[in-house]
């Protein structure tokens, strides 16, 4: 059954498809899929019922063979980007139409993480959202570099999941991302001040921290458009993500992590470097 699902990873089959094509008993297929979804080895789409590969399966498969092709091909590009920018980066890969996961990291060699051994490959035990084997759903407004090059109907379906007030902005930034080649998760000095304050609220209940963090997210604008990235504009970026494309489909992304403010000109240059790194990955 897993062989069948792997072979159809690009178009996740339904339970009925699996039963019909594998000739396995329906009850057996349902039971196995339910167990593997719970274990993270498979995912099941809520809208179509399609069954796809889960982050835990890909992580285990990667460990079994040493490294997968995308990671092998992307690693030199990531190391080159880190050397150019002095900032860490990571590799995200598409699992299915709705899900991505982080699969590889690269840190500057002079950082605490990049000194030697496993650290040189990016230990991430204290960075929750960047941990491997963690599925990330393609929900607006995040992961735009995976959505911007999709078919118009798929883009509109993604946008429709956002609050109505955000939809015009999302349409504009998706068009901008397709034009310039990369997405930007943005920050401002005001956001940085709030982030710094949050970091010092260790004694405050976690529920309050989460609520303040949610407020920060609501106040944050989505990405940048060209008029906001003029040469002398003071702009900020948490991440800059550029797609890795195979046969016209975005299968992954190299994401650089500046987490700082800079001029619009420097941010555009950083984006161009990230695009070049992603474009150099042959898969």
Protein backbone atom coordinates (compact mmCIF):
# COMPACT_ATOMS: atom_id res chain seq x y z
CA UNK A 1 0.00 0.00 0.00
CA UNK A 2 2.83 2.42 0.82
CA UNK A 3 4.42 1.69 -2.56
CA UNK A 4 1.15 2.69 -4.21
CA UNK A 5 0.88 5.93 -2.23
CA UNK A 6 4.52 6.80 -2.97
CA UNK A 7 3.95 6.17 -6.68
CA UNK A 8 0.97 8.55 -6.64
CA UNK A 9 2.47 11.19 -4.33
CA UNK A 10 1.85 13.94 -6.88
CA UNK A 11 -1.89 13.22 -6.90
CA UNK A 12 -2.80 11.72 -3.53
CA UNK A 13 -5.25 8.82 -3.98
CA UNK A 14 -8.43 8.40 -1.98
CA UNK A 15 -9.17 5.36 0.15
CA UNK A 16 -11.43 4.10 -2.63
CA UNK A 17 -8.58 4.43 -5.14
CA UNK A 18 -6.26 2.44 -2.88
CA UNK A 19 -8.81 -0.33 -2.34
CA UNK A 20 -9.60 -0.56 -6.05
CA UNK A 21 -6.03 -0.56 -7.33
CA UNK A 22 -4.31 -2.64 -4.63
CA UNK A 23 -7.15 -5.16 -4.20
CA UNK A 24 -6.68 -5.00 -0.44
CA UNK A 25 -9.75 -5.39 1.79
CA UNK A 26 -11.48 -2.09 2.47
CA UNK A 27 -11.39 -2.57 6.25
CA UNK A 28 -7.66 -3.30 6.12
CA UNK A 29 -6.92 -0.18 4.08
CA UNK A 30 -9.01 2.01 6.39
CA UNK A 31 -7.33 0.63 9.50
CA UNK A 32 -3.78 0.94 8.15
CA UNK A 33 -4.32 4.47 6.85
CA UNK A 34 -5.83 5.59 10.15
CA UNK A 35 -2.87 4.24 12.10
CA UNK A 36 -0.30 5.77 9.75
CA UNK A 37 -2.05 9.16 9.77
CA UNK A 38 -1.94 9.13 13.57
CA UNK A 39 1.78 8.28 13.41
CA UNK A 40 2.50 11.10 10.96
CA UNK A 41 3.54 8.73 8.18
CA UNK A 42 0.56 9.66 6.05
CA UNK A 43 -1.68 12.70 5.72
CA UNK A 44 -5.31 12.82 4.62
CA UNK A 45 -6.80 15.90 3.00
CA UNK A 46 -9.96 17.17 4.60
CA UNK A 47 -11.53 18.34 1.32
CA UNK A 48 -10.77 15.53 -1.16
CA UNK A 49 -9.89 12.68 1.17
CA UNK A 50 -6.60 12.21 -0.69
CA UNK A 51 -3.95 10.21 1.16
CA UNK A 52 -0.39 11.56 0.91
CA UNK A 53 3.00 11.02 2.47
CA UNK A 54 3.54 12.48 5.92
CA UNK A 55 6.52 14.31 7.33
CA UNK A 56 7.41 11.40 9.63
CA UNK A 57 7.60 9.00 6.68
CA UNK A 58 9.86 11.32 4.69
CA UNK A 59 12.07 11.96 7.71
CA UNK A 60 12.44 8.24 8.39
CA UNK A 61 13.08 7.46 4.72
CA UNK A 62 15.73 10.14 4.57
CA UNK A 63 17.52 8.74 7.61
CA UNK A 64 17.34 5.23 6.14
CA UNK A 65 19.06 6.16 2.89
CA UNK A 66 21.37 8.82 4.34
CA UNK A 67 19.96 11.75 2.40
CA UNK A 68 17.40 12.30 -0.33
CA UNK A 69 18.11 13.78 -3.72
CA UNK A 70 16.72 17.23 -3.00
CA UNK A 71 18.81 17.60 0.16
CA UNK A 72 21.96 16.39 -1.61
CA UNK A 73 21.45 18.81 -4.50
CA UNK A 74 20.47 21.76 -2.30
CA UNK A 75 23.23 21.51 0.30
CA UNK A 76 25.98 23.23 -1.78
CA UNK A 77 23.58 26.03 -2.73
CA UNK A 78 22.64 26.54 0.91
CA UNK A 79 26.28 26.63 2.02
CA UNK A 80 27.05 29.18 -0.69
CA UNK A 81 24.11 31.38 0.33
CA UNK A 82 25.14 31.29 4.00
CA UNK A 83 28.70 32.23 3.01
CA UNK A 84 27.37 35.19 0.99
CA UNK A 85 24.93 36.53 3.56
CA UNK A 86 26.31 35.40 6.91
CA UNK A 87 22.79 34.33 7.92
CA UNK A 88 21.38 30.83 8.41
CA UNK A 89 19.04 29.24 5.92
CA UNK A 90 16.89 26.15 5.69
CA UNK A 91 15.42 23.87 3.05
CA UNK A 92 11.69 23.19 2.97
CA UNK A 93 10.13 20.52 0.79
CA UNK A 94 6.60 19.94 -0.39
CA UNK A 95 4.93 16.81 1.00
CA UNK A 96 1.62 17.20 -0.83
CA UNK A 97 -0.65 19.95 -2.13
CA UNK A 98 -1.41 21.18 1.39
CA UNK A 99 1.72 20.45 3.42
CA UNK A 100 5.43 21.23 3.57
CA UNK A 101 8.14 20.38 6.08
CA UNK A 102 11.64 21.59 6.93
CA UNK A 103 14.25 18.97 6.00
CA UNK A 104 17.69 20.60 6.17
CA UNK A 105 19.51 23.53 7.78
CA UNK A 106 22.71 25.44 7.24
CA UNK A 107 24.29 27.81 9.77
CA UNK A 108 27.28 30.17 9.50
CA UNK A 109 30.43 28.33 10.52
CA UNK A 110 31.39 31.04 13.01
CA UNK A 111 28.07 30.77 14.88
CA UNK A 112 27.49 28.75 18.00
CA UNK A 113 25.60 26.25 15.85
CA UNK A 114 28.15 26.03 13.08
CA UNK A 115 31.29 25.21 15.00
CA UNK A 116 31.65 21.51 14.32
CA UNK A 117 29.96 18.15 13.88
CA UNK A 118 26.17 18.07 13.93
CA UNK A 119 26.07 21.77 14.76
CA UNK A 120 27.58 22.53 11.37
CA UNK A 121 24.49 20.97 9.83
CA UNK A 122 22.20 23.01 12.03
CA UNK A 123 21.03 21.75 15.39
CA UNK A 124 17.50 23.05 15.85
CA UNK A 125 16.39 21.51 19.10
CA UNK A 126 15.52 24.91 20.56
CA UNK A 127 13.74 26.31 17.49
CA UNK A 128 10.29 24.73 17.66
CA UNK A 129 8.88 25.74 14.28
CA UNK A 130 12.06 24.72 12.44
CA UNK A 131 12.24 21.22 13.86
CA UNK A 132 12.31 18.40 11.30
CA UNK A 133 9.42 15.97 11.08
CA UNK A 134 6.91 18.77 11.68
CA UNK A 135 4.23 19.29 9.01
CA UNK A 136 3.44 22.90 8.11
CA UNK A 137 0.10 23.47 6.42
CA UNK A 138 -0.09 25.75 3.41
CA UNK A 139 -2.48 28.22 4.95
CA UNK A 140 -2.52 31.95 4.21
CA UNK A 141 -0.56 34.05 4.66
CA UNK A 142 2.50 31.75 5.13
CA UNK A 143 4.47 29.69 2.60
CA UNK A 144 3.65 32.07 -0.24
CA UNK A 145 6.63 30.92 -2.33
CA UNK A 146 4.93 27.52 -2.59
CA UNK A 147 1.67 29.07 -3.80
CA UNK A 148 2.63 31.99 -6.04
CA UNK A 149 3.41 29.81 -9.08
CA UNK A 150 0.36 27.56 -8.75
CA UNK A 151 -2.48 27.60 -11.26
CA UNK A 152 -4.85 30.58 -10.83
CA UNK A 153 -7.63 28.39 -9.42
CA UNK A 154 -5.28 26.94 -6.80
CA UNK A 155 -4.08 30.43 -5.83
CA UNK A 156 -7.64 31.66 -5.44
CA UNK A 157 -8.58 28.64 -3.35
CA UNK A 158 -5.63 29.39 -1.05
CA UNK A 159 -6.55 33.09 -0.83
CA UNK A 160 -10.17 32.20 -0.05
CA UNK A 161 -9.02 30.65 3.24
CA UNK A 162 -7.80 34.05 4.46
CA UNK A 163 -9.97 36.72 6.11
CA UNK A 164 -11.74 38.74 3.45
CA UNK A 165 -9.87 41.90 4.45
CA UNK A 166 -6.52 40.22 3.68
CA UNK A 167 -7.42 38.86 0.25
CA UNK A 168 -6.61 41.93 -1.90
CA UNK A 169 -3.18 42.18 -0.24
CA UNK A 170 -2.53 38.47 -0.78
CA UNK A 171 -3.40 38.73 -4.49
CA UNK A 172 -1.04 41.67 -4.85
CA UNK A 173 1.88 40.04 -3.05
CA UNK A 174 1.50 36.71 -4.89
CA UNK A 175 1.78 38.62 -8.17
CA UNK A 176 4.79 40.50 -6.79
CA UNK A 177 6.45 37.25 -5.66
CA UNK A 178 6.03 35.73 -9.13
CA UNK A 179 7.58 38.85 -10.64
CA UNK A 180 10.62 39.22 -8.37
CA UNK A 181 11.08 35.52 -7.51
CA UNK A 182 10.90 35.37 -3.70
CA UNK A 183 8.68 35.95 -0.67
CA UNK A 184 9.51 38.03 2.40
CA UNK A 185 8.27 37.61 5.95
CA UNK A 186 8.60 41.17 7.15
CA UNK A 187 9.36 42.93 10.42
CA UNK A 188 9.61 46.57 11.44
CA UNK A 189 11.40 48.27 14.31
CA UNK A 190 8.07 48.33 16.14
CA UNK A 191 7.63 44.60 15.68
CA UNK A 192 11.20 43.99 16.86
CA UNK A 193 10.49 46.00 20.02
CA UNK A 194 7.45 43.86 20.76
CA UNK A 195 9.43 40.68 20.05
CA UNK A 196 12.17 41.84 22.42
CA UNK A 197 9.55 42.59 25.06
CA UNK A 198 7.99 39.16 24.63
CA UNK A 199 11.39 37.56 25.12
CA UNK A 200 11.61 39.21 28.53
CA UNK A 201 8.21 38.05 29.76
CA UNK A 202 9.38 34.75 31.18
CA UNK A 203 7.34 35.22 34.35
CA UNK A 204 4.12 35.98 32.49
CA UNK A 205 1.68 33.08 31.94
CA UNK A 206 2.12 31.38 28.58
CA UNK A 207 -1.50 32.08 27.63
CA UNK A 208 -0.88 35.82 27.86
CA UNK A 209 2.33 35.52 25.85
CA UNK A 210 0.42 33.65 23.15
CA UNK A 211 -2.28 36.32 23.03
CA UNK A 212 0.27 39.12 22.70
CA UNK A 213 2.08 37.13 20.03
CA UNK A 214 -1.19 36.68 18.17
CA UNK A 215 -1.81 40.42 18.33
CA UNK A 216 1.63 41.00 16.82
CA UNK A 217 0.73 38.68 13.95
CA UNK A 218 -2.52 40.54 13.34
CA UNK A 219 -0.69 43.88 13.22
CA UNK A 220 2.00 42.64 10.84
CA UNK A 221 1.59 43.51 7.17
CA UNK A 222 1.96 40.72 4.62
CA UNK A 223 5.16 40.78 2.53
CA UNK A 224 6.21 43.80 0.44
CA UNK A 225 5.19 45.16 -2.94
CA UNK A 226 7.56 47.06 -5.23
CA UNK A 227 6.52 50.52 -4.02
CA UNK A 228 7.55 49.55 -0.47
CA UNK A 229 11.03 48.33 -1.46
CA UNK A 230 12.59 51.55 -2.71
CA UNK A 231 16.37 51.89 -2.39
CA UNK A 232 16.34 54.07 0.71
CA UNK A 233 13.36 52.49 2.49
CA UNK A 234 14.11 50.99 5.91
CA UNK A 235 12.61 47.52 5.70
CA UNK A 236 12.87 44.32 7.67
CA UNK A 237 12.83 40.63 6.93
CA UNK A 238 12.57 37.57 9.13
CA UNK A 239 12.89 35.22 6.15
CA UNK A 240 13.33 35.37 2.38
CA UNK A 241 12.09 32.29 0.51
CA UNK A 242 12.76 31.30 -3.11
CA UNK A 243 11.23 28.27 -4.85
CA UNK A 244 12.93 25.16 -6.19
CA UNK A 245 11.06 24.14 -9.32
CA UNK A 246 10.92 20.73 -10.99
CA UNK A 247 8.97 20.25 -14.20
CA UNK A 248 7.05 23.48 -13.63
CA UNK A 249 6.03 22.64 -10.06
CA UNK A 250 7.41 24.11 -6.83
CA UNK A 251 8.76 21.11 -4.92
CA UNK A 252 10.79 22.96 -2.30
CA UNK A 253 12.25 26.27 -1.23
CA UNK A 254 15.50 27.66 0.09
CA UNK A 255 14.69 30.12 2.86
CA UNK A 256 17.30 32.58 4.11
CA UNK A 257 16.83 34.01 7.62
CA UNK A 258 18.12 37.61 7.94
CA UNK A 259 15.89 38.51 10.89
CA UNK A 260 16.99 42.14 10.69
CA UNK A 261 16.22 45.49 9.09
CA UNK A 262 18.08 46.91 6.11
CA UNK A 263 17.61 49.21 3.13
CA UNK A 264 15.24 48.24 0.35
CA UNK A 265 18.19 47.97 -2.03
CA UNK A 266 20.03 45.52 0.23
CA UNK A 267 16.89 43.46 0.72
CA UNK A 268 16.40 43.17 -3.04
CA UNK A 269 20.03 42.08 -3.39
CA UNK A 270 19.54 39.49 -0.64
CA UNK A 271 16.44 38.24 -2.42
CA UNK A 272 18.32 37.92 -5.69
CA UNK A 273 21.02 35.86 -3.95
CA UNK A 274 18.36 33.56 -2.51
CA UNK A 275 16.71 33.15 -5.91
CA UNK A 276 20.07 32.29 -7.49
CA UNK A 277 20.74 29.68 -4.80
CA UNK A 278 17.35 28.03 -5.33
CA UNK A 279 17.67 28.16 -9.12
CA UNK A 280 21.03 26.36 -8.95
CA UNK A 281 19.47 23.27 -7.37
CA UNK A 282 19.14 20.56 -10.01
CA UNK A 283 16.59 17.85 -9.24
